[in-house]
Amino acid sequence: MPYTIAIDARKLGDFGIGTYVRSLVTHLAEIDHENHYLLLVGAGGRDRLPVLPDNFEPVVQRAPVYSVREQISLSFALKRRKVDLYHATHYVLPALLPFRVVVTIHDIIHLLYPEFLPNRLAYYYAERMLRRAVNRSDRILTPSRNTRDDVCRWFDADEAKIEVVHNGIGDDYLEELSSETKARWLRDLELDKPYLLFVGNPKPHKNLDRLLKGYARALELTDFSHPLVCVGDRGASEAAIMRRAEHLGIADRVHLLGHLAQEALPAIFQGAAVFLYPTLYEGFGLPVVEAMASGTPVITSNTSALKEVAAGYADLVNPLDVDAIARSIARCVSDSDHRASLSKLGLRRAQDFRWDRAAHLTLASYHSALDGVEPKGRPKDRR
């Protein structure tokens, strides 16, 4: 019997969740030709979707994300379409839940680092919405064991209904680009090899300030010419980043490329000498895996899901220790054998992460919830 499954795809434009939604939908479309899917997209969201079969139907939802209006409008839209299951790809659920619910919780960083939120109200909103998602969902998907453990610890959640579904790697990262293609992308972006690479937004947990300090200190430890290339939307933080770089005496070595088109990223990753990602906390750390798949040596943190994903396959450092970051950078740029070893290890690790596997596991969770197979644990409040 075919079901109607709705997927919240309104964050398609985001770097992290957008990649997750786009990749998941693409691979679900390859394996499920029976169920009917409603893809809830925001304004302009249709253009961000790949070409999909007829059983995948985009439905525009104009209510703002993180608003009371979205919870009401989603409830009525889903009820009107007689949805059997709703997959919340973020932690916000509609007000009414007369259907089965699967929720993906990527991380609980808002609760672990409340000092990074704009105000106390944002913390209470995140805590309430996450707790409601945990309590009222039939299945919870997390991208790592670390996030699963965080959810269980923080909310006393029933571990039996949590499925760890690792993120995957896009096919565009798995295929080595021709030297001509890489050279063209780097030329268009005015990049010369060798360079060090960071990919991420300017949020405080990305730890870019300590990375800049570590890079500056590495220049004192060993002589190298690699500039630090930072990819990601900087917004209002760009001026502050460059002021810090000027204070450290490295302004001429730091290149802020801003937000780049998705199709440019494989060439940027493959062209880098080393990928730097000493962030404070990640629910998975997709850029780390993308760098590994690109054959690029990785320096990342020994905390959160990054340790789970990269231990034994990358250089792990304490993200709070600027000297440790500096020493790792200095070693990687000066030791070609070490870089070659990390590259080989990363390529091996990257084979463990595939979006087609994530799609199969997600579809299995849909069926488990729809078939009414209840996990062991406390009964849920379905109001």
Protein backbone atom coordinates (compact mmCIF):
# COMPACT_ATOMS: atom_id res chain seq x y z
CA MET A 1 0.00 0.00 0.00
CA PRO A 2 1.55 3.34 -1.03
CA TYR A 3 1.77 6.08 1.58
CA THR A 4 1.91 9.86 1.37
CA ILE A 5 5.15 11.07 2.96
CA ALA A 6 5.87 14.76 3.47
CA ILE A 7 9.46 15.99 3.82
CA ASP A 8 10.34 19.45 5.11
CA ALA A 9 12.65 20.77 2.37
CA ARG A 10 12.38 24.48 3.20
CA LYS A 11 16.08 24.71 4.13
CA LEU A 12 17.31 23.62 0.71
CA GLY A 13 19.30 26.83 0.41
CA ASP A 14 21.29 26.19 3.60
CA PHE A 15 24.80 24.78 3.32
CA GLY A 16 24.52 21.95 5.88
CA ILE A 17 20.85 21.00 6.14
CA GLY A 18 20.31 21.94 2.51
CA THR A 19 22.96 19.44 1.43
CA TYR A 20 21.34 16.80 3.64
CA VAL A 21 17.82 17.37 2.25
CA ARG A 22 18.89 17.60 -1.38
CA SER A 23 21.05 14.46 -1.18
CA LEU A 24 18.48 12.45 0.76
CA VAL A 25 15.63 13.32 -1.63
CA THR A 26 17.79 12.54 -4.68
CA HIS A 27 18.61 9.06 -3.43
CA LEU A 28 15.13 8.32 -2.08
CA ALA A 29 13.87 9.03 -5.59
CA GLU A 30 16.20 6.34 -6.92
CA ILE A 31 14.93 3.60 -4.61
CA ASP A 32 11.27 4.40 -3.85
CA HIS A 33 8.88 4.47 -6.80
CA GLU A 34 5.82 3.43 -4.78
CA ASN A 35 5.15 6.04 -2.11
CA HIS A 36 4.03 9.58 -2.92
CA TYR A 37 6.29 12.33 -1.57
CA LEU A 38 5.31 15.91 -0.84
CA LEU A 39 8.40 18.12 -0.69
CA LEU A 40 7.60 21.25 1.31
CA VAL A 41 9.77 24.01 -0.15
CA GLY A 42 10.04 27.73 0.45
CA ALA A 43 9.82 30.45 -2.17
CA GLY A 44 12.27 29.59 -4.94
CA GLY A 45 12.75 26.10 -3.53
CA ARG A 46 11.53 24.34 -6.66
CA ASP A 47 14.56 25.64 -8.55
CA ARG A 48 16.93 24.08 -6.00
CA LEU A 49 15.48 20.59 -6.39
CA PRO A 50 17.03 18.07 -8.79
CA VAL A 51 14.95 16.48 -11.54
CA LEU A 52 12.70 13.99 -9.75
CA PRO A 53 10.18 11.30 -10.78
CA ASP A 54 6.43 11.90 -10.76
CA ASN A 55 5.90 10.50 -7.27
CA PHE A 56 7.85 13.48 -5.85
CA GLU A 57 5.73 16.64 -5.72
CA PRO A 58 7.05 20.05 -4.62
CA VAL A 59 4.60 22.07 -2.50
CA VAL A 60 5.44 25.71 -1.74
CA GLN A 61 5.13 26.84 1.89
CA ARG A 62 5.64 30.56 2.43
CA ALA A 63 5.47 30.71 6.24
CA PRO A 64 8.78 31.87 7.75
CA VAL A 65 10.96 29.24 9.39
CA TYR A 66 11.07 29.50 13.22
CA SER A 67 7.68 31.20 13.48
CA VAL A 68 4.33 30.44 15.09
CA ARG A 69 2.78 30.84 11.66
CA GLU A 70 4.80 27.94 10.25
CA GLN A 71 3.49 25.52 12.86
CA ILE A 72 -0.14 26.43 12.08
CA SER A 73 0.19 26.58 8.29
CA LEU A 74 2.12 23.30 8.13
CA SER A 75 -0.55 21.59 10.24
CA PHE A 76 -3.35 22.61 7.89
CA ALA A 77 -1.36 21.87 4.74
CA LEU A 78 -0.43 18.38 5.90
CA LYS A 79 -3.94 17.59 7.10
CA ARG A 80 -5.44 18.78 3.82
CA ARG A 81 -3.12 16.50 1.84
CA LYS A 82 -3.89 13.53 4.11
CA VAL A 83 -0.28 12.86 4.94
CA ASP A 84 0.60 9.51 6.51
CA LEU A 85 4.08 10.45 7.69
CA TYR A 86 5.94 13.72 8.14
CA HIS A 87 9.74 13.90 8.10
CA ALA A 88 10.99 17.01 9.92
CA THR A 89 14.51 17.49 8.60
CA HIS A 90 15.09 20.04 11.35
CA TYR A 91 13.72 19.98 14.90
CA VAL A 92 10.57 22.12 14.48
CA LEU A 93 7.28 20.17 14.27
CA PRO A 94 3.83 21.38 13.19
CA ALA A 95 1.34 22.24 15.94
CA LEU A 96 -0.91 19.25 15.17
CA LEU A 97 0.41 15.74 14.56
CA PRO A 98 -2.37 13.46 13.27
CA PHE A 99 0.23 11.34 11.43
CA ARG A 100 3.44 9.47 12.06
CA VAL A 101 6.54 11.61 12.60
CA VAL A 102 10.22 11.06 11.84
CA VAL A 103 12.57 13.86 12.89
CA THR A 104 16.23 14.40 12.08
CA ILE A 105 18.20 16.04 14.88
CA HIS A 106 21.56 17.04 13.46
CA ASP A 107 22.95 18.35 16.77
CA ILE A 108 21.98 20.14 19.96
CA ILE A 109 24.61 22.87 19.73
CA HIS A 110 22.12 25.57 20.81
CA LEU A 111 21.78 23.87 24.18
CA LEU A 112 25.43 22.98 24.64
CA TYR A 113 26.69 26.45 23.68
CA PRO A 114 23.90 28.89 24.65
CA GLU A 115 26.43 31.73 24.71
CA PHE A 116 26.47 31.60 20.91
CA LEU A 117 22.75 32.37 20.66
CA PRO A 118 21.53 35.96 20.19
CA ASN A 119 19.46 35.98 23.40
CA ARG A 120 17.95 33.85 26.16
CA LEU A 121 14.65 33.59 24.32
CA ALA A 122 16.37 31.78 21.45
CA TYR A 123 17.68 29.23 23.94
CA TYR A 124 14.23 28.58 25.42
CA TYR A 125 12.76 28.25 21.91
CA ALA A 126 15.42 25.73 20.85
CA GLU A 127 15.10 23.71 24.06
CA ARG A 128 11.31 23.57 23.86
CA MET A 129 11.20 22.66 20.17
CA LEU A 130 13.89 20.00 20.53
CA ARG A 131 12.19 18.47 23.56
CA ARG A 132 8.85 18.41 21.72
CA ALA A 133 10.48 16.77 18.71
CA VAL A 134 12.09 14.10 20.89
CA ASN A 135 8.90 13.34 22.83
CA ARG A 136 6.41 13.36 19.95
CA SER A 137 8.30 11.68 17.16
CA ASP A 138 7.96 8.02 16.26
CA ARG A 139 11.55 7.80 15.08
CA ILE A 140 14.57 10.07 15.52
CA LEU A 141 17.43 10.10 13.03
CA THR A 142 20.84 11.41 14.06
CA PRO A 143 23.93 11.72 11.82
CA SER A 144 26.29 10.36 14.48
CA ARG A 145 26.47 8.35 17.66
CA ASN A 146 27.68 11.53 19.35
CA THR A 147 24.43 13.36 18.57
CA ARG A 148 22.43 10.30 19.60
CA ASP A 149 24.21 10.26 22.96
CA ASP A 150 23.70 14.01 23.37
CA VAL A 151 19.97 13.64 22.75
CA CYS A 152 19.66 10.72 25.16
CA ARG A 153 21.63 12.50 27.85
CA TRP A 154 19.92 15.87 27.55
CA PHE A 155 16.32 14.72 27.14
CA ASP A 156 16.37 11.28 28.75
CA ALA A 157 15.22 10.02 25.35
CA ASP A 158 14.34 6.45 24.53
CA GLU A 159 17.43 5.22 22.67
CA ALA A 160 15.40 2.46 21.03
CA LYS A 161 13.65 4.91 18.72
CA ILE A 162 16.89 6.66 17.65
CA GLU A 163 18.58 5.51 14.46
CA VAL A 164 22.10 6.67 13.62
CA VAL A 165 22.16 7.45 9.90
CA HIS A 166 25.48 8.89 8.84
CA ASN A 167 25.53 11.56 6.19
CA GLY A 168 27.03 10.64 2.86
CA ILE A 169 29.34 12.04 0.23
CA GLY A 170 28.11 13.41 -3.06
CA ASP A 171 29.26 11.72 -6.24
CA ASP A 172 30.91 14.98 -7.31
CA TYR A 173 33.45 14.56 -4.49
CA LEU A 174 34.18 10.91 -5.24
CA GLU A 175 35.29 11.52 -8.82
CA GLU A 176 38.74 13.00 -9.31
CA LEU A 177 38.52 16.02 -11.55
CA SER A 178 40.82 16.45 -14.50
CA SER A 179 43.78 18.75 -13.99
CA GLU A 180 42.28 21.09 -16.60
CA THR A 181 38.96 21.36 -14.73
CA LYS A 182 40.66 22.04 -11.41
CA ALA A 183 42.95 24.61 -12.99
CA ARG A 184 39.98 26.38 -14.60
CA TRP A 185 38.08 26.67 -11.30
CA LEU A 186 41.15 27.86 -9.42
CA ARG A 187 41.96 30.36 -12.15
CA ASP A 188 38.41 31.74 -12.07
CA LEU A 189 38.70 32.19 -8.29
CA GLU A 190 42.21 33.67 -8.59
CA LEU A 191 43.70 30.92 -6.44
CA ASP A 192 47.25 29.61 -6.73
CA LYS A 193 48.43 26.34 -5.25
CA PRO A 194 49.48 25.47 -2.64
CA TYR A 195 46.88 26.75 -0.18
CA LEU A 196 45.26 25.72 3.09
CA LEU A 197 41.46 25.49 3.14
CA PHE A 198 38.68 26.15 5.62
CA VAL A 199 35.00 25.75 4.66
CA GLY A 200 32.29 26.96 7.01
CA ASN A 201 30.04 29.81 8.05
CA PRO A 202 31.07 32.51 10.55
CA LYS A 203 29.21 31.07 13.54
CA PRO A 204 31.27 31.14 16.76
CA HIS A 205 31.52 27.36 17.10
CA LYS A 206 33.40 27.20 13.80
CA ASN A 207 36.35 28.55 15.81
CA LEU A 208 37.76 30.65 13.00
CA ASP A 209 39.43 33.09 15.39
CA ARG A 210 41.59 30.37 16.95
CA LEU A 211 42.29 28.96 13.51
CA LEU A 212 43.66 32.35 12.42
CA LYS A 213 45.84 32.46 15.54
CA GLY A 214 47.04 28.91 14.93
CA TYR A 215 47.86 29.70 11.32
CA ALA A 216 49.82 32.81 12.34
CA ARG A 217 51.75 30.82 14.96
CA ALA A 218 52.49 28.03 12.47
CA LEU A 219 54.22 30.63 10.28
CA GLU A 220 56.55 31.26 13.21
CA LEU A 221 57.31 27.53 13.57
CA THR A 222 58.18 26.80 9.95
CA ASP A 223 58.59 28.63 6.67
CA PHE A 224 55.77 28.08 4.18
CA SER A 225 53.95 30.14 1.56
CA HIS A 226 50.46 28.60 1.70
CA PRO A 227 47.74 31.23 2.12
CA LEU A 228 44.64 30.41 4.20
CA VAL A 229 41.58 30.26 1.95
CA CYS A 230 38.21 30.52 3.73
CA VAL A 231 35.04 29.51 1.89
CA GLY A 232 31.61 30.34 3.28
CA ASP A 233 29.22 33.23 3.70
CA ARG A 234 30.92 35.75 6.00
CA GLY A 235 28.21 38.44 6.07
CA ALA A 236 28.76 41.10 8.70
CA SER A 237 31.64 39.16 10.25
CA GLU A 238 34.05 39.70 7.33
CA ALA A 239 35.35 43.02 8.64
CA ALA A 240 36.00 41.53 12.09
CA ILE A 241 37.84 38.56 10.56
CA MET A 242 40.10 40.83 8.55
CA ARG A 243 40.76 43.05 11.56
CA ARG A 244 41.91 39.97 13.45
CA ALA A 245 44.08 38.93 10.50
CA GLU A 246 45.64 42.40 10.35
CA HIS A 247 46.32 42.32 14.09
CA LEU A 248 48.08 38.96 13.64
CA GLY A 249 50.06 40.25 10.67
CA ILE A 250 48.56 37.77 8.20
CA ALA A 251 46.00 39.91 6.36
CA ASP A 252 47.84 39.47 3.05
CA ARG A 253 47.73 35.68 3.50
CA VAL A 254 44.02 35.28 4.32
CA HIS A 255 41.61 35.05 1.39
CA LEU A 256 37.86 35.17 2.12
CA LEU A 257 36.05 33.78 -0.91
CA GLY A 258 32.54 34.01 0.53
CA HIS A 259 29.74 31.71 -0.54
CA LEU A 260 30.57 29.62 -3.63
CA ALA A 261 28.38 27.59 -5.93
CA GLN A 262 28.15 23.91 -4.99
CA GLU A 263 29.75 22.86 -8.28
CA ALA A 264 32.92 24.80 -7.41
CA LEU A 265 33.58 23.02 -4.12
CA PRO A 266 35.03 19.69 -5.37
CA ALA A 267 37.75 21.54 -7.27
CA ILE A 268 38.48 23.75 -4.24
CA PHE A 269 38.78 20.71 -1.97
CA GLN A 270 40.90 18.72 -4.43
CA GLY A 271 43.23 21.65 -4.99
CA ALA A 272 43.96 22.23 -1.29
CA ALA A 273 47.21 21.09 0.33
CA VAL A 274 45.52 20.60 3.73
CA PHE A 275 41.94 21.04 4.99
CA LEU A 276 41.63 22.77 8.37
CA TYR A 277 38.51 22.24 10.49
CA PRO A 278 39.26 22.63 14.22
CA THR A 279 35.67 23.53 15.13
CA LEU A 280 34.30 23.32 18.66
CA TYR A 281 31.35 21.04 17.97
CA GLU A 282 29.74 19.23 15.03
CA GLY A 283 26.80 16.88 14.74
CA PHE A 284 28.63 15.12 11.92
CA GLY A 285 31.20 17.30 10.15
CA LEU A 286 30.36 16.82 6.48
CA PRO A 287 33.18 19.08 5.17
CA VAL A 288 35.71 16.77 6.86
CA VAL A 289 34.38 13.76 4.98
CA GLU A 290 34.20 15.73 1.72
CA ALA A 291 37.85 16.69 2.14
CA MET A 292 38.78 13.07 2.82
CA ALA A 293 36.92 11.93 -0.31
CA SER A 294 38.88 14.57 -2.23
CA GLY A 295 42.18 13.05 -1.11
CA THR A 296 43.01 16.14 0.93
CA PRO A 297 44.80 15.69 4.28
CA VAL A 298 42.64 16.84 7.20
CA ILE A 299 43.32 18.58 10.49
CA THR A 300 40.21 18.60 12.70
CA SER A 301 39.08 18.51 16.32
CA ASN A 302 39.28 15.70 18.85
CA THR A 303 35.77 16.51 20.10
CA SER A 304 32.10 15.74 19.34
CA ALA A 305 31.29 13.80 16.16
CA LEU A 306 34.58 14.86 14.56
CA LYS A 307 36.43 12.37 16.73
CA GLU A 308 33.92 9.68 15.77
CA VAL A 309 34.29 10.41 12.06
CA ALA A 310 38.00 11.18 11.77
CA ALA A 311 39.97 9.47 14.57
CA GLY A 312 42.74 7.42 12.97
CA TYR A 313 42.23 9.05 9.59
CA ALA A 314 43.19 12.69 10.23
CA ASP A 315 45.26 14.82 12.59
CA LEU A 316 43.08 15.53 15.63
CA VAL A 317 43.76 18.55 17.82
CA ASN A 318 42.24 20.23 20.84
CA PRO A 319 40.29 23.09 19.20
CA LEU A 320 40.90 25.31 22.24
CA ASP A 321 44.69 24.87 22.02
CA VAL A 322 46.13 27.37 19.53
CA ASP A 323 49.62 25.89 19.90
CA ALA A 324 48.33 22.40 19.05
CA ILE A 325 46.60 23.77 15.93
CA ALA A 326 49.83 25.55 14.95
CA ARG A 327 52.01 22.48 15.44
CA SER A 328 49.68 20.33 13.36
CA ILE A 329 49.62 22.88 10.52
CA ALA A 330 53.42 23.22 10.63
CA ARG A 331 53.88 19.46 10.46
CA CYS A 332 51.47 18.98 7.58
CA VAL A 333 52.90 21.71 5.38
CA SER A 334 56.50 20.62 5.97
CA ASP A 335 56.18 16.80 5.90
CA SER A 336 55.12 15.44 2.49
CA ASP A 337 55.15 11.84 3.74
CA HIS A 338 52.73 12.72 6.52
CA ARG A 339 50.42 14.49 4.06
CA ALA A 340 50.50 11.46 1.75
CA SER A 341 49.65 9.16 4.66
CA LEU A 342 46.71 11.31 5.75
CA SER A 343 45.46 11.50 2.17
CA LYS A 344 45.47 7.72 1.83
CA LEU A 345 43.79 7.21 5.21
CA GLY A 346 41.11 9.80 4.43
CA LEU A 347 40.26 8.21 1.09
CA ARG A 348 39.81 4.89 2.87
CA ARG A 349 37.55 6.40 5.54
CA ALA A 350 35.43 8.22 2.96
CA GLN A 351 34.26 4.89 1.59
CA ASP A 352 32.19 4.41 4.77
CA PHE A 353 29.81 7.27 3.99
CA ARG A 354 27.28 7.01 1.15
CA TRP A 355 24.01 8.84 0.54
CA ASP A 356 22.43 5.76 -1.01
CA ARG A 357 22.96 3.90 2.27
CA ALA A 358 21.54 6.85 4.20
CA ALA A 359 18.46 6.81 1.94
CA HIS A 360 17.89 3.07 2.48
CA LEU A 361 18.16 3.45 6.26
CA THR A 362 15.85 6.46 6.24
CA LEU A 363 13.25 4.65 4.15
CA ALA A 364 13.44 1.70 6.56
CA SER A 365 12.72 4.11 9.43
CA TYR A 366 9.69 5.45 7.52
CA HIS A 367 8.34 1.93 7.09
CA SER A 368 8.98 1.04 10.72
CA ALA A 369 7.06 4.12 11.89
CA LEU A 370 4.25 3.61 9.38
CA ASP A 371 3.83 -0.05 10.23
CA GLY A 372 3.34 0.90 13.87
CA VAL A 373 6.35 -1.00 15.16
CA GLU A 374 6.76 0.76 18.49
CA PRO A 375 10.21 0.85 20.08
CA LYS A 376 10.52 -0.24 23.66
CA GLY A 377 10.24 2.61 26.14
CA ARG A 378 7.82 5.07 27.63
CA PRO A 379 4.56 5.71 25.73
CA LYS A 380 4.32 8.91 23.69
CA ASP A 381 1.89 11.75 24.03
CA ARG A 382 0.30 12.05 20.54
CA ARG A 383 -1.78 15.11 21.29
